[in-house]
Each structure stands twice: as C-alpha cells, then as structure tokens.
Protein backbone atom coordinates (compact mmCIF):
# COMPACT_ATOMS: atom_id res chain seq x y z
CA MET A 1 132.87 194.44 -17.25
CA PRO A 2 131.97 196.91 -20.01
CA GLU A 3 128.84 195.93 -21.89
CA GLU A 4 130.59 195.69 -25.25
CA LYS A 5 132.80 192.90 -23.85
CA ARG A 6 129.82 190.73 -22.86
CA HIS A 7 129.89 188.48 -25.89
CA TYR A 8 131.65 185.30 -26.87
CA LEU A 9 135.02 186.18 -28.31
CA PRO A 10 135.99 184.19 -31.41
CA SER A 11 138.19 181.14 -31.00
CA MET A 12 141.85 181.93 -30.86
CA GLU A 13 144.19 181.24 -33.74
CA THR A 14 146.97 178.66 -34.09
CA ARG A 15 144.70 175.63 -34.10
CA THR A 16 144.91 172.32 -35.96
CA ARG A 17 142.32 169.85 -37.16
CA PHE A 18 142.34 168.44 -33.59
CA ASN A 19 141.18 171.89 -32.43
CA ILE A 20 144.11 172.49 -30.08
CA ARG A 21 145.86 175.69 -29.11
CA VAL A 22 149.30 174.69 -30.41
CA PRO A 23 151.59 176.68 -28.03
CA VAL A 24 149.69 175.44 -24.97
CA PHE A 25 149.30 171.82 -26.03
CA VAL A 26 152.85 171.39 -27.32
CA THR A 27 154.55 173.16 -24.38
CA SER A 28 152.55 171.17 -21.81
CA ALA A 29 153.19 167.92 -23.63
CA ILE A 30 156.94 168.63 -23.84
CA ILE A 31 157.11 169.37 -20.10
CA ALA A 32 155.24 166.14 -19.32
CA ILE A 33 157.37 164.04 -21.66
CA LEU A 34 160.55 165.68 -20.34
CA PHE A 35 159.60 164.81 -16.75
CA ILE A 36 158.80 161.24 -17.74
CA THR A 37 162.11 160.85 -19.60
CA LEU A 38 164.26 162.42 -16.88
CA GLY A 39 162.37 160.50 -14.23
CA LEU A 40 163.16 157.20 -15.88
CA LEU A 41 166.81 158.11 -16.58
CA TYR A 42 167.63 159.84 -13.28
CA LEU A 43 165.39 158.23 -10.67
CA ASP A 44 167.65 158.94 -7.69
CA THR A 45 168.19 162.56 -8.69
CA ILE A 46 164.47 163.17 -9.16
CA SER A 47 163.64 161.54 -5.83
CA SER A 48 166.24 163.48 -3.83
CA GLY A 49 165.38 166.71 -5.64
CA LEU A 50 161.69 166.41 -4.77
CA GLN A 51 162.58 165.69 -1.15
CA GLN A 52 164.85 168.73 -0.84
CA LEU A 53 162.28 170.96 -2.52
CA GLN A 54 159.55 169.77 -0.14
CA GLN A 55 161.71 170.49 2.90
CA GLN A 56 162.62 173.95 1.63
CA ILE A 57 158.99 174.85 0.96
CA ALA A 58 157.87 173.52 4.35
CA THR A 59 160.56 175.50 6.16
CA SER A 60 160.22 178.77 4.27
CA LEU A 61 156.66 178.84 2.92
CA GLY A 62 154.55 176.83 5.35
CA TRP A 63 153.05 180.07 6.66
CA PHE A 64 152.21 181.11 3.08
CA TYR A 65 150.20 177.94 2.47
CA THR A 66 148.35 178.37 5.77
CA LEU A 67 147.49 182.02 5.12
CA THR A 68 146.54 181.50 1.48
CA ILE A 69 144.14 178.62 2.12
CA THR A 70 142.42 180.63 4.85
CA ILE A 71 142.10 183.67 2.54
CA PHE A 72 140.43 181.51 -0.10
CA LEU A 73 137.83 180.32 2.43
CA LEU A 74 137.11 183.88 3.57
CA ILE A 75 136.68 185.03 -0.04
CA THR A 76 134.28 182.14 -0.60
CA LEU A 77 132.13 183.17 2.37
CA TRP A 78 132.13 186.79 1.19
CA LEU A 79 130.94 185.69 -2.25
CA ALA A 80 128.15 183.56 -0.76
CA PHE A 81 126.74 186.14 1.60
CA GLY A 82 127.79 189.41 -0.05
CA LYS A 83 125.97 191.71 -2.41
CA TYR A 84 126.95 189.77 -5.53
CA GLY A 85 125.17 186.56 -4.49
CA GLY A 86 122.24 187.13 -6.86
CA VAL A 87 124.41 187.40 -9.97
CA ARG A 88 123.80 184.47 -12.29
CA LEU A 89 126.64 182.55 -13.92
CA GLY A 90 125.33 183.10 -17.40
CA PRO A 91 122.70 185.36 -18.97
CA ASP A 92 119.89 186.38 -16.65
CA TYR A 93 117.53 183.92 -18.35
CA SER A 94 119.88 180.90 -18.12
CA ARG A 95 119.11 177.89 -15.95
CA PRO A 96 121.30 174.97 -14.75
CA ASP A 97 122.12 172.16 -17.16
CA TYR A 98 122.05 169.41 -14.50
CA SER A 99 119.73 168.44 -11.67
CA TYR A 100 120.88 168.85 -8.08
CA ALA A 101 121.38 165.09 -7.70
CA ALA A 102 123.62 164.81 -10.78
CA TRP A 103 125.43 168.05 -9.90
CA PHE A 104 126.24 166.96 -6.33
CA ALA A 105 127.31 163.48 -7.48
CA MET A 106 129.79 164.89 -9.98
CA LEU A 107 131.05 167.46 -7.43
CA PHE A 108 131.64 164.75 -4.85
CA SER A 109 133.43 162.35 -7.21
CA ALA A 110 135.62 165.00 -8.85
CA GLY A 111 136.44 166.96 -5.68
CA MET A 112 137.37 164.16 -3.30
CA GLY A 113 138.16 161.22 -5.55
CA ILE A 114 140.40 158.31 -4.71
CA GLY A 115 142.04 159.97 -1.73
CA LEU A 116 138.84 159.92 0.34
CA LEU A 117 138.83 156.15 0.78
CA PHE A 118 142.63 156.05 1.01
CA PHE A 119 142.67 158.36 4.04
CA ALA A 120 139.16 157.86 5.52
CA VAL A 121 140.46 155.31 8.02
CA ALA A 122 144.20 155.86 7.73
CA GLU A 123 144.32 159.51 8.72
CA PRO A 124 142.08 159.43 11.84
CA ILE A 125 143.82 156.27 13.09
CA HIS A 126 147.25 157.76 12.41
CA HIS A 127 146.48 160.96 14.33
CA PHE A 128 144.75 159.01 17.10
CA ALA A 129 147.24 156.24 17.84
CA LEU A 130 150.48 156.74 15.93
CA ASP A 131 151.32 160.39 15.35
CA VAL A 132 149.17 162.82 17.34
CA PRO A 133 149.44 166.40 16.01
CA PRO A 134 152.12 168.07 18.19
CA ALA A 135 150.01 171.14 18.92
CA SER A 136 147.10 169.09 20.33
CA GLY A 137 148.97 167.88 23.43
CA ALA A 138 146.78 164.75 23.66
CA GLU A 139 148.09 161.34 24.68
CA PRO A 140 148.10 158.78 21.83
CA GLY A 141 145.14 156.43 22.11
CA SER A 142 143.17 158.68 24.49
CA PRO A 143 139.61 159.97 23.98
CA GLU A 144 141.09 163.46 23.60
CA ALA A 145 143.30 162.16 20.81
CA ALA A 146 140.22 160.65 19.12
CA SER A 147 138.47 164.03 19.08
CA ASP A 148 141.58 165.82 17.80
CA ALA A 149 142.12 163.14 15.16
CA MET A 150 138.70 163.66 13.61
CA ASN A 151 139.00 167.44 13.91
CA ILE A 152 142.26 167.59 11.99
CA THR A 153 140.91 165.14 9.39
CA PHE A 154 137.84 167.32 8.90
CA PHE A 155 140.14 170.34 8.67
CA HIS A 156 142.13 168.74 5.84
CA TRP A 157 139.06 167.50 3.92
CA GLY A 158 136.44 170.13 4.74
CA LEU A 159 135.64 173.75 4.01
CA HIS A 160 139.21 174.81 3.27
CA ALA A 161 139.61 172.26 0.48
CA TRP A 162 136.36 173.29 -1.17
CA GLY A 163 137.20 176.97 -0.69
CA VAL A 164 140.21 176.49 -2.98
CA TYR A 165 138.05 174.93 -5.67
CA ILE A 166 135.27 177.50 -5.38
CA VAL A 167 137.31 180.67 -5.91
CA LEU A 168 138.75 179.37 -9.17
CA ALA A 169 135.58 177.59 -10.35
CA LEU A 170 133.53 180.72 -9.77
CA ALA A 171 136.01 182.90 -11.66
CA LEU A 172 136.01 180.46 -14.57
CA SER A 173 132.20 180.27 -14.64
CA TYR A 174 131.75 184.03 -14.38
CA PHE A 175 134.13 184.95 -17.18
CA ALA A 176 132.98 182.12 -19.44
CA TYR A 177 129.20 182.24 -18.99
CA ARG A 178 128.55 185.79 -17.79
CA VAL A 179 131.18 187.74 -19.74
CA GLY A 180 131.43 185.42 -22.75
CA LEU A 181 135.12 184.57 -22.75
CA PRO A 182 136.46 181.06 -23.44
CA LEU A 183 136.29 178.60 -20.52
CA SER A 184 139.99 178.76 -19.74
CA LEU A 185 142.24 180.03 -16.96
CA ARG A 186 143.60 182.73 -19.23
CA SER A 187 140.13 184.32 -19.32
CA THR A 188 140.12 184.90 -15.55
CA LEU A 189 142.87 187.50 -15.95
CA TYR A 190 141.04 189.58 -18.57
CA PRO A 191 140.36 192.56 -16.25
CA LEU A 192 144.12 192.75 -15.54
CA ILE A 193 145.76 192.06 -18.92
CA GLY A 194 142.95 192.77 -21.40
CA GLU A 195 143.38 191.44 -24.94
CA ARG A 196 146.82 190.13 -24.03
CA TYR A 197 145.05 187.12 -22.59
CA ARG A 198 145.07 185.84 -26.19
CA GLY A 199 148.87 185.85 -26.38
CA TRP A 200 151.85 184.36 -24.61
CA MET A 201 150.72 185.52 -21.16
CA GLY A 202 147.48 183.59 -21.50
CA ASP A 203 149.35 180.60 -22.88
CA ALA A 204 151.69 180.60 -19.87
CA VAL A 205 148.75 180.61 -17.44
CA ASP A 206 147.11 177.64 -19.16
CA VAL A 207 150.40 175.72 -19.29
CA ILE A 208 150.91 176.20 -15.53
CA ALA A 209 147.37 174.95 -14.95
CA ILE A 210 147.82 171.88 -17.16
CA VAL A 211 151.13 170.87 -15.59
CA GLY A 212 149.78 171.38 -12.08
CA THR A 213 146.72 169.31 -12.91
CA LEU A 214 148.87 166.54 -14.38
CA PHE A 215 150.73 166.10 -11.10
CA GLY A 216 147.63 166.52 -8.95
CA VAL A 217 145.71 163.83 -10.81
CA ALA A 218 148.80 161.61 -11.04
CA THR A 219 149.03 161.77 -7.23
CA SER A 220 145.48 160.44 -6.93
CA LEU A 221 146.04 157.72 -9.52
CA GLY A 222 149.16 156.54 -7.72
CA LEU A 223 147.35 156.41 -4.38
CA GLY A 224 144.53 154.46 -6.00
CA ALA A 225 146.89 151.86 -7.42
CA ILE A 226 148.64 151.45 -4.06
CA GLN A 227 145.34 150.96 -2.23
CA ILE A 228 143.83 148.52 -4.73
CA ASN A 229 147.05 146.51 -4.38
CA ALA A 230 146.57 146.57 -0.60
CA GLY A 231 143.02 145.29 -1.03
CA LEU A 232 144.21 142.43 -3.20
CA THR A 233 146.73 141.58 -0.48
CA TYR A 234 143.98 141.37 2.15
CA VAL A 235 141.38 139.59 -0.01
CA ALA A 236 143.47 137.29 -2.16
CA GLY A 237 146.86 137.21 -0.47
CA ILE A 238 148.56 138.82 -3.48
CA GLU A 239 151.73 140.49 -2.27
CA ALA A 240 152.18 144.21 -2.89
CA SER A 241 154.63 144.91 -5.69
CA LEU A 242 155.61 147.75 -7.96
CA THR A 243 154.88 145.61 -11.02
CA LEU A 244 151.32 144.94 -9.90
CA GLN A 245 150.73 148.62 -9.08
CA LEU A 246 151.97 149.67 -12.51
CA SER A 247 149.73 147.02 -14.08
CA LEU A 248 146.75 148.36 -12.13
CA ILE A 249 147.42 151.88 -13.41
CA ALA A 250 147.60 150.57 -16.98
CA GLY A 251 144.50 148.40 -16.67
CA ILE A 252 142.22 150.96 -15.08
CA SER A 253 143.49 153.63 -17.48
CA VAL A 254 141.93 151.52 -20.23
CA LEU A 255 138.55 151.85 -18.47
CA ALA A 256 139.16 155.59 -18.22
CA ALA A 257 139.82 155.65 -21.96
CA ILE A 258 136.38 154.09 -22.57
CA SER A 259 134.79 156.80 -20.41
CA VAL A 260 136.75 159.41 -22.38
CA VAL A 261 135.17 158.24 -25.62
CA LEU A 262 131.67 158.22 -24.09
CA GLY A 263 131.93 161.88 -23.03
CA VAL A 264 130.64 163.89 -20.05
CA ASP A 265 126.94 163.06 -20.14
CA ALA A 266 127.17 159.37 -20.98
CA GLY A 267 130.47 158.78 -19.19
CA ILE A 268 131.43 160.97 -16.24
CA ARG A 269 127.89 161.87 -15.09
CA ARG A 270 126.62 158.28 -14.91
CA ILE A 271 129.82 156.89 -13.44
CA SER A 272 129.97 159.65 -10.82
CA PHE A 273 126.39 159.02 -9.73
CA THR A 274 127.03 155.26 -9.53
CA ASN A 275 130.13 155.81 -7.46
CA MET A 276 128.43 158.16 -5.01
CA VAL A 277 125.71 155.55 -4.47
CA LEU A 278 128.29 152.80 -3.87
CA VAL A 279 130.23 154.93 -1.37
CA PHE A 280 127.12 155.56 0.66
CA VAL A 281 126.00 151.92 0.40
CA LEU A 282 129.34 150.94 1.92
CA ALA A 283 129.04 153.62 4.60
CA ALA A 284 125.42 152.66 5.36
CA PHE A 285 126.39 149.01 5.80
CA ILE A 286 129.14 149.93 8.26
CA LEU A 287 126.69 152.18 10.11
CA ALA A 288 124.09 149.39 10.26
CA VAL A 289 126.30 146.48 11.39
CA GLY A 290 128.74 148.54 13.46
CA PRO A 291 128.16 150.51 16.66
CA THR A 292 125.31 152.56 15.15
CA ALA A 293 124.59 154.80 18.14
CA PHE A 294 128.30 155.53 18.67
CA LEU A 295 128.80 156.47 15.00
CA LEU A 296 125.70 158.70 14.87
CA GLN A 297 126.80 160.46 18.06
CA SER A 298 130.28 160.84 16.58
CA ILE A 299 128.96 162.56 13.44
CA ILE A 300 127.24 165.25 15.50
CA GLU A 301 130.06 165.62 18.03
CA SER A 302 132.84 165.71 15.42
CA ILE A 303 131.13 168.39 13.35
CA GLY A 304 130.56 170.47 16.49
CA TYR A 305 134.18 170.08 17.62
CA TYR A 306 135.35 171.07 14.14
CA ALA A 307 133.17 174.20 14.16
CA GLN A 308 134.42 175.22 17.63
CA ASN A 309 138.09 174.92 16.66
CA ILE A 310 138.10 176.04 13.03
CA ILE A 311 139.77 179.41 13.68
CA GLN A 312 142.60 177.89 15.72
CA THR A 313 143.26 175.06 13.26
CA SER A 314 143.07 177.45 10.30
CA THR A 315 145.97 179.53 11.64
CA ARG A 316 148.16 176.78 13.11
CA THR A 317 151.72 176.92 11.77
CA ASP A 318 153.54 174.75 14.36
CA ALA A 319 156.02 177.59 14.92
CA PHE A 320 157.22 176.19 18.28
CA VAL A 321 157.30 172.47 17.47
CA ASP A 322 158.91 170.15 14.93
CA PRO A 323 157.50 171.10 11.49
CA ASP A 324 157.76 167.54 10.14
CA TRP A 325 154.19 166.65 11.08
CA GLN A 326 152.72 169.70 9.33
CA GLN A 327 154.94 169.07 6.33
CA ASP A 328 153.77 165.46 6.00
CA TRP A 329 150.08 166.21 6.48
CA THR A 330 148.71 169.76 6.31
CA LEU A 331 151.13 171.14 3.72
CA PHE A 332 150.73 168.00 1.63
CA TYR A 333 146.96 168.46 1.59
CA TRP A 334 147.16 172.17 0.80
CA GLY A 335 149.57 171.53 -2.05
CA TRP A 336 147.43 168.64 -3.28
CA TRP A 337 144.19 170.64 -3.25
CA ILE A 338 145.82 173.62 -4.95
CA SER A 339 147.44 171.43 -7.63
CA TRP A 340 144.05 169.77 -8.14
CA SER A 341 142.25 173.12 -8.28
CA PRO A 342 142.51 173.80 -12.06
CA PHE A 343 141.17 170.31 -12.75
CA VAL A 344 138.36 170.34 -10.18
CA ALA A 345 137.46 174.00 -10.71
CA MET A 346 137.31 173.64 -14.47
CA PHE A 347 135.12 170.57 -14.12
CA ILE A 348 132.85 172.31 -11.59
CA ALA A 349 132.56 175.28 -13.94
CA ARG A 350 131.79 172.97 -16.84
CA ILE A 351 128.74 171.56 -15.01
CA SER A 352 127.54 174.71 -13.19
CA ARG A 353 126.34 177.09 -15.89
CA GLY A 354 123.14 178.93 -15.01
CA ARG A 355 123.38 178.93 -11.20
CA THR A 356 123.56 182.12 -9.13
CA ILE A 357 126.76 182.90 -7.23
CA ARG A 358 125.00 182.28 -3.90
CA GLU A 359 123.54 178.97 -5.07
CA PHE A 360 126.87 177.95 -6.56
CA VAL A 361 128.97 178.77 -3.49
CA THR A 362 126.62 177.34 -0.87
CA GLY A 363 126.01 174.20 -2.94
CA VAL A 364 129.66 173.50 -3.68
CA LEU A 365 130.87 174.47 -0.20
CA LEU A 366 128.30 172.83 2.07
CA VAL A 367 126.79 169.77 0.39
CA PRO A 368 129.97 167.88 -0.67
CA THR A 369 131.60 168.89 2.64
CA ALA A 370 128.68 167.45 4.62
CA MET A 371 128.76 164.25 2.54
CA THR A 372 132.52 163.98 3.09
CA PHE A 373 132.18 164.50 6.85
CA VAL A 374 129.61 161.70 7.11
CA VAL A 375 131.83 159.27 5.19
CA LEU A 376 134.96 160.26 7.14
CA THR A 377 133.23 159.86 10.50
CA ILE A 378 131.69 156.47 9.73
CA PHE A 379 134.93 155.04 8.37
CA GLY A 380 137.36 156.83 10.68
CA LYS A 381 135.44 156.48 13.94
CA MET A 382 134.75 152.81 13.15
CA GLY A 383 138.51 152.28 13.10
CA ILE A 384 138.95 154.23 16.34
CA TYR A 385 136.09 152.26 17.98
CA ILE A 386 137.88 149.01 17.14
CA GLU A 387 141.03 150.32 18.82
CA LEU A 388 139.27 151.68 21.91
CA PHE A 389 136.61 149.03 22.53
CA GLY A 390 137.37 146.12 20.20
CA ASP A 391 140.20 143.76 19.36
CA GLY A 392 142.45 146.44 17.87
CA GLY A 393 144.82 145.80 14.99
CA VAL A 394 143.84 148.70 12.75
CA ALA A 395 146.54 150.98 14.14
CA ALA A 396 149.17 148.27 13.74
CA ALA A 397 148.20 147.73 10.10
CA THR A 398 148.17 151.49 9.50
CA GLY A 399 151.62 151.77 11.03
CA ASP A 400 152.94 149.28 8.50
CA GLU A 401 151.43 151.07 5.47
CA LEU A 402 148.65 153.66 5.31
CA GLU A 403 146.95 151.88 2.41
CA PHE A 404 146.17 148.84 4.62
CA ALA A 405 144.05 150.85 7.10
CA LEU A 406 140.71 150.60 5.27
CA PHE A 407 140.95 146.84 4.74
CA ALA A 408 142.19 146.25 8.29
CA MET A 409 139.03 147.98 9.54
CA LEU A 410 136.78 145.98 7.21
CA GLU A 411 138.26 142.77 8.64
CA HIS A 412 136.31 143.41 11.84
CA LEU A 413 132.93 143.52 10.05
CA PRO A 414 130.71 140.77 8.63
CA MET A 415 131.14 139.88 4.94
CA THR A 416 134.72 141.14 4.97
CA ALA A 417 135.63 139.80 1.52
CA ALA A 418 132.55 141.27 -0.16
CA LEU A 419 133.08 144.65 1.52
CA SER A 420 136.74 144.69 0.48
CA VAL A 421 135.83 143.89 -3.11
CA LEU A 422 133.20 146.65 -3.08
CA ALA A 423 135.77 149.08 -1.68
CA MET A 424 138.20 148.21 -4.47
CA ILE A 425 135.44 148.72 -7.05
CA VAL A 426 134.70 152.17 -5.62
CA ILE A 427 138.40 153.07 -5.70
CA ALA A 428 138.65 151.85 -9.30
CA ILE A 429 135.64 153.98 -10.32
CA PHE A 430 137.16 156.99 -8.57
CA PHE A 431 140.26 156.19 -10.61
CA VAL A 432 138.25 156.32 -13.84
CA THR A 433 136.39 159.56 -13.01
CA SER A 434 139.59 161.29 -11.87
CA SER A 435 141.45 160.33 -15.03
CA ASP A 436 138.56 161.11 -17.38
CA SER A 437 137.51 164.43 -15.89
CA GLY A 438 141.15 165.46 -15.48
CA SER A 439 141.77 164.69 -19.14
CA LEU A 440 138.70 166.69 -20.14
CA VAL A 441 139.92 169.72 -18.18
CA LYS A 442 143.42 169.64 -19.62
CA ASP A 443 141.99 169.30 -23.10
CA ILE A 444 139.68 172.30 -22.61
CA LEU A 445 142.69 174.33 -21.50
CA ALA A 446 144.86 173.07 -24.36
CA SER A 447 142.16 173.95 -26.90
CA GLY A 448 141.73 177.53 -25.67
CA GLY A 449 138.38 176.92 -23.99
CA ASP A 450 136.56 174.52 -26.33
CA LEU A 451 133.97 172.74 -24.15
CA ARG A 452 133.85 169.68 -26.39
CA PRO A 453 137.41 168.76 -27.37
CA VAL A 454 138.00 165.71 -29.53
CA TRP A 455 138.43 162.37 -27.79
CA GLN A 456 141.85 161.68 -29.33
CA THR A 457 143.56 164.48 -27.42
CA ARG A 458 141.69 163.60 -24.21
CA LEU A 459 143.03 160.07 -24.61
CA PHE A 460 146.55 161.51 -24.88
CA TRP A 461 146.20 163.33 -21.55
CA ALA A 462 144.65 160.28 -19.85
CA SER A 463 147.63 158.19 -20.94
CA THR A 464 150.10 160.87 -19.84
CA GLU A 465 148.56 161.01 -16.34
CA GLY A 466 148.99 157.27 -15.98
CA VAL A 467 152.61 157.37 -17.10
CA ILE A 468 153.49 160.23 -14.71
CA ALA A 469 151.83 158.35 -11.84
CA SER A 470 153.94 155.33 -12.79
CA VAL A 471 157.15 157.39 -12.82
CA LEU A 472 156.37 158.79 -9.36
CA LEU A 473 155.69 155.27 -8.10
CA ILE A 474 159.03 154.09 -9.47
CA ALA A 475 160.88 157.14 -8.12
CA GLY A 476 159.32 156.71 -4.68
CA GLY A 477 160.13 153.03 -4.42
CA ALA A 478 159.18 151.73 -0.99
CA THR A 479 158.13 155.23 0.05
CA ALA A 480 156.00 156.02 -2.98
CA LEU A 481 153.55 158.05 -0.91
CA ALA A 482 156.36 160.48 -0.04
CA ALA A 483 157.04 161.05 -3.75
CA PHE A 484 153.41 161.97 -4.37
CA GLN A 485 153.42 164.30 -1.35
CA GLN A 486 156.56 166.04 -2.55
CA ALA A 487 155.24 166.54 -6.07
CA ALA A 488 151.93 167.95 -4.80
CA ILE A 489 153.57 170.42 -2.40
CA ALA A 490 156.03 171.62 -5.05
CA MET A 491 153.37 172.24 -7.71
CA GLY A 492 151.08 174.05 -5.28
CA VAL A 493 153.27 177.14 -4.77
CA PRO A 494 153.09 178.74 -8.26
CA LEU A 495 149.41 177.83 -8.54
CA ALA A 496 148.65 179.43 -5.15
CA LEU A 497 150.18 182.70 -6.35
CA LEU A 498 148.17 182.50 -9.56
CA LEU A 499 144.94 181.88 -7.62
CA LEU A 500 145.49 184.98 -5.51
CA VAL A 501 145.85 187.07 -8.66
CA ILE A 502 142.68 185.49 -10.09
CA CYS A 503 140.74 186.39 -6.93
CA TYR A 504 141.76 190.02 -7.37
CA SER A 505 140.79 189.91 -11.04
CA LEU A 506 137.34 188.51 -10.19
CA TRP A 507 136.78 191.27 -7.63
CA ILE A 508 137.56 193.92 -10.26
CA ALA A 509 135.06 192.34 -12.65
CA LEU A 510 132.28 191.94 -10.08
CA ARG A 511 132.41 195.66 -9.25
CA THR A 512 130.87 196.39 -12.67
CA GLU A 513 127.81 194.20 -12.03
CA PRO A 514 124.45 196.07 -11.89
CA LEU A 515 123.07 195.36 -8.44
CA ASP A 516 119.97 197.53 -8.44
CA ARG A 517 117.80 194.46 -8.93
CA GLU A 518 117.78 190.80 -7.91
CA VAL A 519 118.69 188.46 -10.75
CA THR A 520 115.87 185.95 -10.41
CA GLN A 521 113.63 184.05 -12.75
CA ASN A 522 110.57 186.18 -11.87
CA THR A 523 112.43 189.42 -12.52
CA THR A 524 113.66 188.11 -15.86
CA VAL A 525 110.15 187.09 -16.89
CA ARG A 526 108.75 190.52 -15.99
CA GLU A 527 111.47 192.28 -17.95
CA GLN A 528 110.84 190.13 -21.01
CA ALA A 529 107.11 190.88 -20.83
CA ALA A 530 107.82 194.62 -20.46
CA ARG A 531 110.02 194.58 -23.55
CA ARG A 532 107.33 192.77 -25.55
CA ASP A 533 104.73 195.35 -24.44
CA ALA A 534 107.06 198.18 -25.42
CA ARG A 535 107.40 196.74 -28.93
C-alpha cells in the first residue's frame, strides 16, 4: 500500500447522533424486518423456498463449497509460513491488547459457540451408528465406523472452519490496523476499488456481511434454544415445545442485552473466559469418571487419523453416491461457517491488534482447533464407548432428535442432574456471547468501522437476531434444524464469492510490504534509538 495511504481515513459521512452509516444500517434493518414479516405471513412459502434453494445449491454448487473451503485453508497456511509472517497487524511498535489466555478464551467462545455442545455427542454418534458417511464404506456400529465418525467430525469443526475465519479476520486486521482504514469489510477491497469503498459499493459489501451474520448467529441461537429445551426435558420432564423454545430465546436475549450494555472488556471478555473454564470443567469431569485411558488414547488416535486423511476428506464431493448426506452435513457446516465468518472474523480482528501475521494465524488456527478436538473427543467418544461397551441408548436418543444426544450421554455418568444443569448453563452462556459479539460486529459494520458503537444500536441487532431465530424455528416446525441448515447454506454462497475477492485484495496489498527486515520488538527499539541519535 502506498505510504501516503497509511493513515486513518476520516469517518464517512451520512451519520446520525447514534453514529451509524445510514445507508448500511437502514438497508440491513429493512431486509431483516422484511424477512421477519414475510416469514410470519407466509410460513409455508418460506419453508418450501428454503428447502428448494438448499437442494439446488447442493446439486449445482457442492463442488464450489468444497473447493473454496480448501482454498481458504491453503491461503491460511501460506500466510503463516510465507514471507509476510513477520508483518505486524498495526504499527511496528504496537503490541497486543489482550493476554494469550483472554485472547484464546474469546476466540474459542466466538468461533465455536453453541453448536459445539449441540453436535459434540450428536454428530459422532450419528455418523457411527445411524448414518455412516457413504464414502467411508464402514458398517454402522463397527470400530471402523467409530474412527470415521470422529474423523468427519474433526473435519467439520477443525482447520477448515478456522481457515475461513482467518482469511477474513486477517484482511480486516491488516487494513484497519496496518493501513489505517476503518474496521469494516468495505476496507478489505480498497486495493481493488480505491476511494469507491466509501460509496455504494462499500455499502453493499457491508450489507451483505450484516445480513449473512444475522442468519449465521440466528442459526446458533435457534440450536441453543432447542438444546436447552432438550435438557429441561431430561432434567425436569418438561416437554419440548415451540412456545418454550421461543421463551428461551426471549429470556436469554435479555441476558445478552445486559452484556451488550457492559461492553467488550467487562462483558464479552469475562463471560467468554468463564464459559471456556466451564466447558473444560465439564470435559475434565467426564474424563475423570469415564473410561479415562480409552478417552486419552482416543484423543491421540483421532488426531492422527484426521491428519492422515485430511487431503482425501478435503476433496470429497460424493460424486458417485447420494448427495443427501453431504448436503445435510458438510455443506451445512461450510455454509454455516461462511455465514458466520463476518461476525467471527470481525470479532477476532477487534481483539487481535498488535500481533504479527505468523502469530495471529498460528494462534487462531491451532490453539482453538486443539481445544475443540479435545472437547469433541471426550464428549463424542464417551457416547461411542457407551454404545460399544456399555448399556447403549445414546444412539436411540440421537435418532429421535439430535439435541437429546448430549443429555442421553450424561445419563450414564454420576451426578447426571448436576452435569445436565451445568451443560445448560454453558449453552446459555454461549448463547449470550454469540448474541452480544454478533451484535457488536453488525454495529461496527453499520457504523462504518467505529470500534465502540453505542449500546442502543447493539441492542437493536441483538433483538433482531432473536426474532429471526424465532421465525426460523416457527418456519421449521417439527424439523426446525432443517430450516437453520437451509438458511446457512443459502447465505454462504454470496459470502464465499466475496471472501475469494477479499483474499485477492489482501494479496495485492501485502506485495507492497517492505520485507528487508524482520518486524520485531528488538528491531523497532533499535530503529527508535537510531532516530534519536540522528536528531
């Protein structure tokens, strides 16, 4: 980037006393309100339309999702180990705002969220006993199926998911902190469109990001409500119902509103750290009272199996088998991660100023992935152990509804009621952090890059997320999960195209970086001393 552009550009016009970018905020709000209104008036039409759109995308663009996600991971590895790794995300003298512990906690909570506990038992059990991936060729319930089940679960939740987040988060961080542009998606296209990023083209990019984030976060909120309802069914015998799920969304959204008012440091950071501790307390208890040696062996074996098969799973398109399985699982995840990417990437960028590209990529790619793999193995392999060597019953519960899988597994452990309550608390906190951080991101986008938007507009977005999640629950009816899958897959396509363009834009910008020296603290100190001596 030319040197004269390395400064913070003034805030863009068309703002109000709430410090919003009017075209972006109003257009995004209208789209959200329009979806809510049409969803309530034409439930059947919305439901069938989402289903047809999902099937069309799976049939025609499944290969595109597969290729795109793999490209993002390869770009991530190139950034980590290439010649630009020493470039700092900020001025050469800048240092990170958060400690490693706080940084990793917020990464983990924002990146994985509610879905981790929803699928930690359900997905491995489903692939092991109920619906083995067609390409694996394993017999349901066999040891081979157990290995394939964990491998495909790792594939969906591992490096590929974080690769999506990293490419966008790094672009946002670079252009905001290194170049000096506003922290907004529009800024990532500056090398391609120049000053036009201030106009309607930039507005359109931010609107796409806000709408995609709305549906991505709404998917997580809906899953959280469904699973908390399942926990209440197991613990207190309260029957699952749409009314209760809608009430849960409303009630926990109030807690999210409190976190919104508290802000990032007092709200999201502390809640994220608390939640990470609770997740690992739950996992440690299962590890301690369960088959400890089996679970520890499984962690090592599952990671090794994943590493051995990552190329094959990364390019699997199910070209010669029924595409329904890939549509229901892999394409859903890819669409979900991509639709979540503006939200997660913006949040990662918000908390990552001052780190080098190498530190940023390796930290975001490896640490949360390793934490996720440990949690998935302990929860998932515990469920498989019960089916292979115990009394069974987890697969049967999962076959009824995926949201029952976690609590069906906990039934086989001591202190079942306490563990179930703890699990629901963790899910509720994930709910709060997802809603709050998602609202913060949308507000930053809607304000043209303001890092500290007012709480009133963040509260508006938090409420809108809850209402959209409620509409998708109502539209889905008894198959609410399908509605969330369809929405995620549909929103992922335009965002995937945008992300590819952003990757190209970042490459153009990085080519201007001076690489004749290592950007390190010692180098910076020496340069400052040399300048003082020269004066």
